[in-house]
Amino acid sequence: MQHYTSIPLMERLQVEAYVDAAAAALDLPIAAEHRPGVVHYVELAAAMAGLVMTLPLGIDDEPAPVFTPIAPAAVAEPMSPVRP
């Protein structure tokens, strides 16, 4: 069983460099006013990936062959709208 106990988060400068390199590789312009949000999202995604990577996998664990979303009607309790 492989177990990841610690996945270091990317440093802010590494995230910024990654965003710039990925955008350049994809020829995807990122407006200056959107860049802080993109960098923040990549940091968030990296943090979520770090949490997933800490879960142990057993020999019998397999990826799902097909993703099947749950229909909203199948949800036990509907989400209530957020009110300010």
PDB file of N, CA and C in Angstrom:
ATOM      1  N   MET A   1       0.849  -1.175   0.000  1.00  0.00           N
ATOM      2  CA  MET A   1       0.000   0.000   0.000  1.00  0.00           C
ATOM      3  C   MET A   1       0.893   1.237   0.000  1.00  0.00           C
ATOM      4  N   GLN A   2       0.634   2.113  -0.942  1.00  0.00           N
ATOM      5  CA  GLN A   2       1.392   3.354  -1.012  1.00  0.00           C
ATOM      6  C   GLN A   2       0.637   4.426  -0.253  1.00  0.00           C
ATOM      7  N   HIS A   3       1.348   5.161   0.594  1.00  0.00           N
ATOM      8  CA  HIS A   3       0.701   6.189   1.408  1.00  0.00           C
ATOM      9  C   HIS A   3       1.549   7.447   1.364  1.00  0.00           C
ATOM     10  N   TYR A   4       0.926   8.533   0.946  1.00  0.00           N
ATOM     11  CA  TYR A   4       1.601   9.828   0.923  1.00  0.00           C
ATOM     12  C   TYR A   4       1.278  10.548   2.222  1.00  0.00           C
ATOM     13  N   THR A   5       2.276  10.785   3.018  1.00  0.00           N
ATOM     14  CA  THR A   5       2.027  11.418   4.308  1.00  0.00           C
ATOM     15  C   THR A   5       2.156  12.930   4.235  1.00  0.00           C
ATOM     16  N   SER A   6       2.958  13.415   3.320  1.00  0.00           N
ATOM     17  CA  SER A   6       3.164  14.852   3.266  1.00  0.00           C
ATOM     18  C   SER A   6       3.446  15.280   1.833  1.00  0.00           C
ATOM     19  N   ILE A   7       2.613  16.119   1.316  1.00  0.00           N
ATOM     20  CA  ILE A   7       2.825  16.693  -0.007  1.00  0.00           C
ATOM     21  C   ILE A   7       3.045  18.184   0.195  1.00  0.00           C
ATOM     22  N   PRO A   8       4.259  18.664  -0.074  1.00  0.00           N
ATOM     23  CA  PRO A   8       4.502  20.095   0.136  1.00  0.00           C
ATOM     24  C   PRO A   8       3.704  20.933  -0.850  1.00  0.00           C
ATOM     25  N   LEU A   9       3.104  21.976  -0.349  1.00  0.00           N
ATOM     26  CA  LEU A   9       2.373  22.892  -1.208  1.00  0.00           C
ATOM     27  C   LEU A   9       3.354  23.735  -2.000  1.00  0.00           C
ATOM     28  N   MET A  10       2.936  24.122  -3.156  1.00  0.00           N
ATOM     29  CA  MET A  10       3.788  24.959  -3.991  1.00  0.00           C
ATOM     30  C   MET A  10       3.909  26.340  -3.357  1.00  0.00           C
ATOM     31  N   GLU A  11       5.075  26.888  -3.451  1.00  0.00           N
ATOM     32  CA  GLU A  11       5.300  28.250  -2.987  1.00  0.00           C
ATOM     33  C   GLU A  11       4.606  29.212  -3.957  1.00  0.00           C
ATOM     34  N   ARG A  12       4.255  30.370  -3.482  1.00  0.00           N
ATOM     35  CA  ARG A  12       3.537  31.362  -4.298  1.00  0.00           C
ATOM     36  C   ARG A  12       4.270  31.665  -5.606  1.00  0.00           C
ATOM     37  N   LEU A  13       5.593  31.833  -5.549  1.00  0.00           N
ATOM     38  CA  LEU A  13       6.349  32.129  -6.766  1.00  0.00           C
ATOM     39  C   LEU A  13       6.328  30.965  -7.742  1.00  0.00           C
ATOM     40  N   GLN A  14       6.314  29.741  -7.211  1.00  0.00           N
ATOM     41  CA  GLN A  14       6.222  28.565  -8.080  1.00  0.00           C
ATOM     42  C   GLN A  14       4.856  28.513  -8.771  1.00  0.00           C
ATOM     43  N   VAL A  15       3.815  28.849  -8.034  1.00  0.00           N
ATOM     44  CA  VAL A  15       2.477  28.848  -8.612  1.00  0.00           C
ATOM     45  C   VAL A  15       2.392  29.901  -9.707  1.00  0.00           C
ATOM     46  N   GLU A  16       2.902  31.085  -9.440  1.00  0.00           N
ATOM     47  CA  GLU A  16       2.877  32.150 -10.440  1.00  0.00           C
ATOM     48  C   GLU A  16       3.655  31.734 -11.687  1.00  0.00           C
ATOM     49  N   ALA A  17       4.813  31.104 -11.495  1.00  0.00           N
ATOM     50  CA  ALA A  17       5.619  30.647 -12.628  1.00  0.00           C
ATOM     51  C   ALA A  17       4.873  29.552 -13.398  1.00  0.00           C
ATOM     52  N   TYR A  18       4.200  28.656 -12.674  1.00  0.00           N
ATOM     53  CA  TYR A  18       3.429  27.599 -13.327  1.00  0.00           C
ATOM     54  C   TYR A  18       2.290  28.185 -14.158  1.00  0.00           C
ATOM     55  N   VAL A  19       1.553  29.133 -13.583  1.00  0.00           N
ATOM     56  CA  VAL A  19       0.446  29.767 -14.301  1.00  0.00           C
ATOM     57  C   VAL A  19       0.969  30.442 -15.568  1.00  0.00           C
ATOM     58  N   ASP A  20       2.069  31.170 -15.454  1.00  0.00           N
ATOM     59  CA  ASP A  20       2.631  31.853 -16.623  1.00  0.00           C
ATOM     60  C   ASP A  20       3.085  30.851 -17.681  1.00  0.00           C
ATOM     61  N   ALA A  21       3.755  29.764 -17.262  1.00  0.00           N
ATOM     62  CA  ALA A  21       4.253  28.772 -18.212  1.00  0.00           C
ATOM     63  C   ALA A  21       3.105  28.015 -18.877  1.00  0.00           C
ATOM     64  N   ALA A  22       2.093  27.637 -18.092  1.00  0.00           N
ATOM     65  CA  ALA A  22       0.951  26.914 -18.657  1.00  0.00           C
ATOM     66  C   ALA A  22       0.187  27.800 -19.636  1.00  0.00           C
ATOM     67  N   ALA A  23      -0.001  29.050 -19.281  1.00  0.00           N
ATOM     68  CA  ALA A  23      -0.708  29.979 -20.175  1.00  0.00           C
ATOM     69  C   ALA A  23       0.080  30.166 -21.473  1.00  0.00           C
ATOM     70  N   ALA A  24       1.397  30.288 -21.364  1.00  0.00           N
ATOM     71  CA  ALA A  24       2.227  30.453 -22.565  1.00  0.00           C
ATOM     72  C   ALA A  24       2.184  29.186 -23.426  1.00  0.00           C
ATOM     73  N   ALA A  25       2.245  28.012 -22.793  1.00  0.00           N
ATOM     74  CA  ALA A  25       2.226  26.750 -23.542  1.00  0.00           C
ATOM     75  C   ALA A  25       0.906  26.555 -24.274  1.00  0.00           C
ATOM     76  N   LEU A  26      -0.167  27.048 -23.691  1.00  0.00           N
ATOM     77  CA  LEU A  26      -1.492  26.912 -24.293  1.00  0.00           C
ATOM     78  C   LEU A  26      -1.859  28.100 -25.174  1.00  0.00           C
ATOM     79  N   ASP A  27      -0.956  29.071 -25.243  1.00  0.00           N
ATOM     80  CA  ASP A  27      -1.229  30.320 -25.962  1.00  0.00           C
ATOM     81  C   ASP A  27      -2.534  30.933 -25.448  1.00  0.00           C
ATOM     82  N   LEU A  28      -2.638  30.959 -24.131  1.00  0.00           N
ATOM     83  CA  LEU A  28      -3.842  31.433 -23.448  1.00  0.00           C
ATOM     84  C   LEU A  28      -3.531  32.742 -22.735  1.00  0.00           C
ATOM     85  N   PRO A  29      -3.998  33.851 -23.269  1.00  0.00           N
ATOM     86  CA  PRO A  29      -3.740  35.115 -22.580  1.00  0.00           C
ATOM     87  C   PRO A  29      -4.558  35.213 -21.291  1.00  0.00           C
ATOM     88  N   ILE A  30      -3.921  35.692 -20.249  1.00  0.00           N
ATOM     89  CA  ILE A  30      -4.607  35.932 -18.973  1.00  0.00           C
ATOM     90  C   ILE A  30      -4.516  37.424 -18.702  1.00  0.00           C
ATOM     91  N   ALA A  31      -5.660  38.066 -18.635  1.00  0.00           N
ATOM     92  CA  ALA A  31      -5.685  39.507 -18.375  1.00  0.00           C
ATOM     93  C   ALA A  31      -5.075  39.793 -17.013  1.00  0.00           C
ATOM     94  N   ALA A  32      -4.382  40.904 -16.915  1.00  0.00           N
ATOM     95  CA  ALA A  32      -3.700  41.269 -15.670  1.00  0.00           C
ATOM     96  C   ALA A  32      -4.650  41.280 -14.479  1.00  0.00           C
ATOM     97  N   GLU A  33      -5.887  41.748 -14.694  1.00  0.00           N
ATOM     98  CA  GLU A  33      -6.830  41.804 -13.573  1.00  0.00           C
ATOM     99  C   GLU A  33      -7.357  40.420 -13.184  1.00  0.00           C
ATOM    100  N   HIS A  34      -7.207  39.417 -14.064  1.00  0.00           N
ATOM    101  CA  HIS A  34      -7.658  38.056 -13.756  1.00  0.00           C
ATOM    102  C   HIS A  34      -6.551  37.184 -13.170  1.00  0.00           C
ATOM    103  N   ARG A  35      -5.301  37.576 -13.378  1.00  0.00           N
ATOM    104  CA  ARG A  35      -4.164  36.747 -12.952  1.00  0.00           C
ATOM    105  C   ARG A  35      -4.178  36.422 -11.463  1.00  0.00           C
ATOM    106  N   PRO A  36      -4.447  37.375 -10.545  1.00  0.00           N
ATOM    107  CA  PRO A  36      -4.465  37.015  -9.123  1.00  0.00           C
ATOM    108  C   PRO A  36      -5.508  35.930  -8.812  1.00  0.00           C
ATOM    109  N   GLY A  37      -6.653  35.980  -9.455  1.00  0.00           N
ATOM    110  CA  GLY A  37      -7.674  34.962  -9.239  1.00  0.00           C
ATOM    111  C   GLY A  37      -7.248  33.606  -9.771  1.00  0.00           C
ATOM    112  N   VAL A  38      -6.589  33.599 -10.933  1.00  0.00           N
ATOM    113  CA  VAL A  38      -6.102  32.349 -11.513  1.00  0.00           C
ATOM    114  C   VAL A  38      -5.040  31.740 -10.595  1.00  0.00           C
ATOM    115  N   VAL A  39      -4.126  32.556 -10.119  1.00  0.00           N
ATOM    116  CA  VAL A  39      -3.077  32.070  -9.210  1.00  0.00           C
ATOM    117  C   VAL A  39      -3.716  31.519  -7.937  1.00  0.00           C
ATOM    118  N   HIS A  40      -4.689  32.223  -7.398  1.00  0.00           N
ATOM    119  CA  HIS A  40      -5.372  31.757  -6.188  1.00  0.00           C
ATOM    120  C   HIS A  40      -6.047  30.406  -6.424  1.00  0.00           C
ATOM    121  N   TYR A  41      -6.727  30.255  -7.572  1.00  0.00           N
ATOM    122  CA  TYR A  41      -7.405  29.002  -7.870  1.00  0.00           C
ATOM    123  C   TYR A  41      -6.408  27.849  -7.991  1.00  0.00           C
ATOM    124  N   VAL A  42      -5.266  28.082  -8.635  1.00  0.00           N
ATOM    125  CA  VAL A  42      -4.252  27.025  -8.765  1.00  0.00           C
ATOM    126  C   VAL A  42      -3.726  26.646  -7.384  1.00  0.00           C
ATOM    127  N   GLU A  43      -3.535  27.625  -6.508  1.00  0.00           N
ATOM    128  CA  GLU A  43      -3.126  27.314  -5.130  1.00  0.00           C
ATOM    129  C   GLU A  43      -4.186  26.467  -4.433  1.00  0.00           C
ATOM    130  N   LEU A  44      -5.443  26.814  -4.618  1.00  0.00           N
ATOM    131  CA  LEU A  44      -6.544  26.058  -4.025  1.00  0.00           C
ATOM    132  C   LEU A  44      -6.577  24.631  -4.575  1.00  0.00           C
ATOM    133  N   ALA A  45      -6.445  24.500  -5.887  1.00  0.00           N
ATOM    134  CA  ALA A  45      -6.446  23.176  -6.518  1.00  0.00           C
ATOM    135  C   ALA A  45      -5.271  22.333  -6.018  1.00  0.00           C
ATOM    136  N   ALA A  46      -4.111  22.948  -5.848  1.00  0.00           N
ATOM    137  CA  ALA A  46      -2.942  22.227  -5.336  1.00  0.00           C
ATOM    138  C   ALA A  46      -3.180  21.757  -3.902  1.00  0.00           C
ATOM    139  N   ALA A  47      -3.820  22.592  -3.105  1.00  0.00           N
ATOM    140  CA  ALA A  47      -4.127  22.207  -1.722  1.00  0.00           C
ATOM    141  C   ALA A  47      -5.111  21.034  -1.705  1.00  0.00           C
ATOM    142  N   MET A  48      -6.129  21.071  -2.572  1.00  0.00           N
ATOM    143  CA  MET A  48      -7.091  19.964  -2.638  1.00  0.00           C
ATOM    144  C   MET A  48      -6.397  18.687  -3.105  1.00  0.00           C
ATOM    145  N   ALA A  49      -5.526  18.802  -4.088  1.00  0.00           N
ATOM    146  CA  ALA A  49      -4.793  17.631  -4.576  1.00  0.00           C
ATOM    147  C   ALA A  49      -3.914  17.062  -3.472  1.00  0.00           C
ATOM    148  N   GLY A  50      -3.336  17.935  -2.651  1.00  0.00           N
ATOM    149  CA  GLY A  50      -2.518  17.467  -1.530  1.00  0.00           C
ATOM    150  C   GLY A  50      -3.324  16.647  -0.551  1.00  0.00           C
ATOM    151  N   LEU A  51      -4.566  17.070  -0.293  1.00  0.00           N
ATOM    152  CA  LEU A  51      -5.436  16.305   0.604  1.00  0.00           C
ATOM    153  C   LEU A  51      -5.755  14.937   0.011  1.00  0.00           C
ATOM    154  N   VAL A  52      -6.061  14.894  -1.270  1.00  0.00           N
ATOM    155  CA  VAL A  52      -6.370  13.619  -1.925  1.00  0.00           C
ATOM    156  C   VAL A  52      -5.163  12.696  -1.886  1.00  0.00           C
ATOM    157  N   MET A  53      -3.994  13.250  -2.101  1.00  0.00           N
ATOM    158  CA  MET A  53      -2.783  12.430  -2.131  1.00  0.00           C
ATOM    159  C   MET A  53      -2.432  11.827  -0.772  1.00  0.00           C
ATOM    160  N   THR A  54      -3.015  12.345   0.310  1.00  0.00           N
ATOM    161  CA  THR A  54      -2.720  11.781   1.633  1.00  0.00           C
ATOM    162  C   THR A  54      -3.538  10.530   1.921  1.00  0.00           C
ATOM    163  N   LEU A  55      -4.542  10.241   1.078  1.00  0.00           N
ATOM    164  CA  LEU A  55      -5.367   9.061   1.300  1.00  0.00           C
ATOM    165  C   LEU A  55      -4.616   7.807   0.877  1.00  0.00           C
ATOM    166  N   PRO A  56      -4.638   6.787   1.720  1.00  0.00           N
ATOM    167  CA  PRO A  56      -3.950   5.550   1.358  1.00  0.00           C
ATOM    168  C   PRO A  56      -4.713   4.793   0.264  1.00  0.00           C
ATOM    169  N   LEU A  57      -3.977   4.133  -0.608  1.00  0.00           N
ATOM    170  CA  LEU A  57      -4.576   3.300  -1.633  1.00  0.00           C
ATOM    171  C   LEU A  57      -4.185   1.857  -1.380  1.00  0.00           C
ATOM    172  N   GLY A  58      -5.161   0.980  -1.465  1.00  0.00           N
ATOM    173  CA  GLY A  58      -4.890  -0.437  -1.303  1.00  0.00           C
ATOM    174  C   GLY A  58      -4.659  -1.096  -2.644  1.00  0.00           C
ATOM    175  N   ILE A  59      -4.244  -2.332  -2.623  1.00  0.00           N
ATOM    176  CA  ILE A  59      -3.951  -3.074  -3.837  1.00  0.00           C
ATOM    177  C   ILE A  59      -5.195  -3.229  -4.713  1.00  0.00           C
ATOM    178  N   ASP A  60      -6.374  -3.262  -4.093  1.00  0.00           N
ATOM    179  CA  ASP A  60      -7.614  -3.468  -4.836  1.00  0.00           C
ATOM    180  C   ASP A  60      -8.276  -2.171  -5.289  1.00  0.00           C
ATOM    181  N   ASP A  61      -7.729  -1.026  -4.937  1.00  0.00           N
ATOM    182  CA  ASP A  61      -8.326   0.245  -5.329  1.00  0.00           C
ATOM    183  C   ASP A  61      -8.116   0.489  -6.817  1.00  0.00           C
ATOM    184  N   GLU A  62      -9.195   0.792  -7.488  1.00  0.00           N
ATOM    185  CA  GLU A  62      -9.182   1.031  -8.933  1.00  0.00           C
ATOM    186  C   GLU A  62      -9.893   2.341  -9.220  1.00  0.00           C
ATOM    187  N   PRO A  63      -9.494   3.031 -10.275  1.00  0.00           N
ATOM    188  CA  PRO A  63     -10.255   4.219 -10.662  1.00  0.00           C
ATOM    189  C   PRO A  63     -11.614   3.795 -11.221  1.00  0.00           C
ATOM    190  N   ALA A  64     -12.576   4.637 -11.061  1.00  0.00           N
ATOM    191  CA  ALA A  64     -13.898   4.347 -11.606  1.00  0.00           C
ATOM    192  C   ALA A  64     -13.812   4.338 -13.132  1.00  0.00           C
ATOM    193  N   PRO A  65     -14.404   3.336 -13.795  1.00  0.00           N
ATOM    194  CA  PRO A  65     -14.318   3.294 -15.250  1.00  0.00           C
ATOM    195  C   PRO A  65     -15.131   4.404 -15.922  1.00  0.00           C
ATOM    196  N   VAL A  66     -16.210   4.829 -15.249  1.00  0.00           N
ATOM    197  CA  VAL A  66     -17.073   5.869 -15.802  1.00  0.00           C
ATOM    198  C   VAL A  66     -17.559   6.739 -14.654  1.00  0.00           C
ATOM    199  N   PHE A  67     -17.478   8.050 -14.826  1.00  0.00           N
ATOM    200  CA  PHE A  67     -18.016   8.957 -13.822  1.00  0.00           C
ATOM    201  C   PHE A  67     -19.509   9.081 -14.053  1.00  0.00           C
ATOM    202  N   THR A  68     -20.290   8.800 -13.027  1.00  0.00           N
ATOM    203  CA  THR A  68     -21.740   8.914 -13.130  1.00  0.00           C
ATOM    204  C   THR A  68     -22.203   9.926 -12.093  1.00  0.00           C
ATOM    205  N   PRO A  69     -22.587  11.113 -12.523  1.00  0.00           N
ATOM    206  CA  PRO A  69     -23.037  12.114 -11.555  1.00  0.00           C
ATOM    207  C   PRO A  69     -24.379  11.722 -10.949  1.00  0.00           C
ATOM    208  N   ILE A  70     -24.618  12.208  -9.753  1.00  0.00           N
ATOM    209  CA  ILE A  70     -25.889  11.964  -9.077  1.00  0.00           C
ATOM    210  C   ILE A  70     -26.858  13.051  -9.502  1.00  0.00           C
ATOM    211  N   ALA A  71     -28.024  12.629  -9.913  1.00  0.00           N
ATOM    212  CA  ALA A  71     -29.044  13.590 -10.328  1.00  0.00           C
ATOM    213  C   ALA A  71     -29.507  14.392  -9.119  1.00  0.00           C
ATOM    214  N   PRO A  72     -29.828  15.662  -9.288  1.00  0.00           N
ATOM    215  CA  PRO A  72     -30.271  16.477  -8.150  1.00  0.00           C
ATOM    216  C   PRO A  72     -31.450  15.865  -7.403  1.00  0.00           C
ATOM    217  N   ALA A  73     -32.359  15.172  -8.082  1.00  0.00           N
ATOM    218  CA  ALA A  73     -33.512  14.571  -7.418  1.00  0.00           C
ATOM    219  C   ALA A  73     -33.090  13.441  -6.486  1.00  0.00           C
ATOM    220  N   ALA A  74     -31.907  12.865  -6.701  1.00  0.00           N
ATOM    221  CA  ALA A  74     -31.442  11.752  -5.876  1.00  0.00           C
ATOM    222  C   ALA A  74     -30.786  12.218  -4.583  1.00  0.00           C
ATOM    223  N   VAL A  75     -30.586  13.508  -4.431  1.00  0.00           N
ATOM    224  CA  VAL A  75     -29.959  14.049  -3.228  1.00  0.00           C
ATOM    225  C   VAL A  75     -30.957  13.981  -2.075  1.00  0.00           C
ATOM    226  N   ALA A  76     -30.500  13.458  -0.935  1.00  0.00           N
ATOM    227  CA  ALA A  76     -31.389  13.276   0.218  1.00  0.00           C
ATOM    228  C   ALA A  76     -31.976  14.584   0.708  1.00  0.00           C
ATOM    229  N   GLU A  77     -31.115  15.585   0.908  1.00  0.00           N
ATOM    230  CA  GLU A  77     -31.580  16.878   1.399  1.00  0.00           C
ATOM    231  C   GLU A  77     -31.144  17.962   0.428  1.00  0.00           C
ATOM    232  N   PRO A  78     -32.081  18.684  -0.142  1.00  0.00           N
ATOM    233  CA  PRO A  78     -31.675  19.751  -1.065  1.00  0.00           C
ATOM    234  C   PRO A  78     -30.921  20.844  -0.307  1.00  0.00           C
ATOM    235  N   MET A  79     -30.012  21.450  -1.007  1.00  0.00           N
ATOM    236  CA  MET A  79     -29.235  22.543  -0.413  1.00  0.00           C
ATOM    237  C   MET A  79     -30.113  23.787  -0.332  1.00  0.00           C
ATOM    238  N   SER A  80     -30.042  24.442   0.782  1.00  0.00           N
ATOM    239  CA  SER A  80     -30.814  25.671   0.926  1.00  0.00           C
ATOM    240  C   SER A  80     -29.966  26.836   0.398  1.00  0.00           C
ATOM    241  N   PRO A  81     -30.616  27.839  -0.171  1.00  0.00           N
ATOM    242  CA  PRO A  81     -29.847  28.976  -0.677  1.00  0.00           C
ATOM    243  C   PRO A  81     -29.173  29.732   0.460  1.00  0.00           C
ATOM    244  N   VAL A  82     -28.030  30.263   0.154  1.00  0.00           N
ATOM    245  CA  VAL A  82     -27.282  31.052   1.138  1.00  0.00           C
ATOM    246  C   VAL A  82     -27.894  32.443   1.188  1.00  0.00           C
ATOM    247  N   ARG A  83     -28.200  32.865   2.361  1.00  0.00           N
ATOM    248  CA  ARG A  83     -28.791  34.205   2.528  1.00  0.00           C
ATOM    249  C   ARG A  83     -27.817  35.083   3.308  1.00  0.00           C
ATOM    250  N   PRO A  84     -27.668  36.317   2.862  1.00  0.00           N
ATOM    251  CA  PRO A  84     -26.730  37.225   3.559  1.00  0.00           C
ATOM    252  C   PRO A  84     -27.219  37.608   4.947  1.00  0.00           C
TER     253      PRO A  84
END
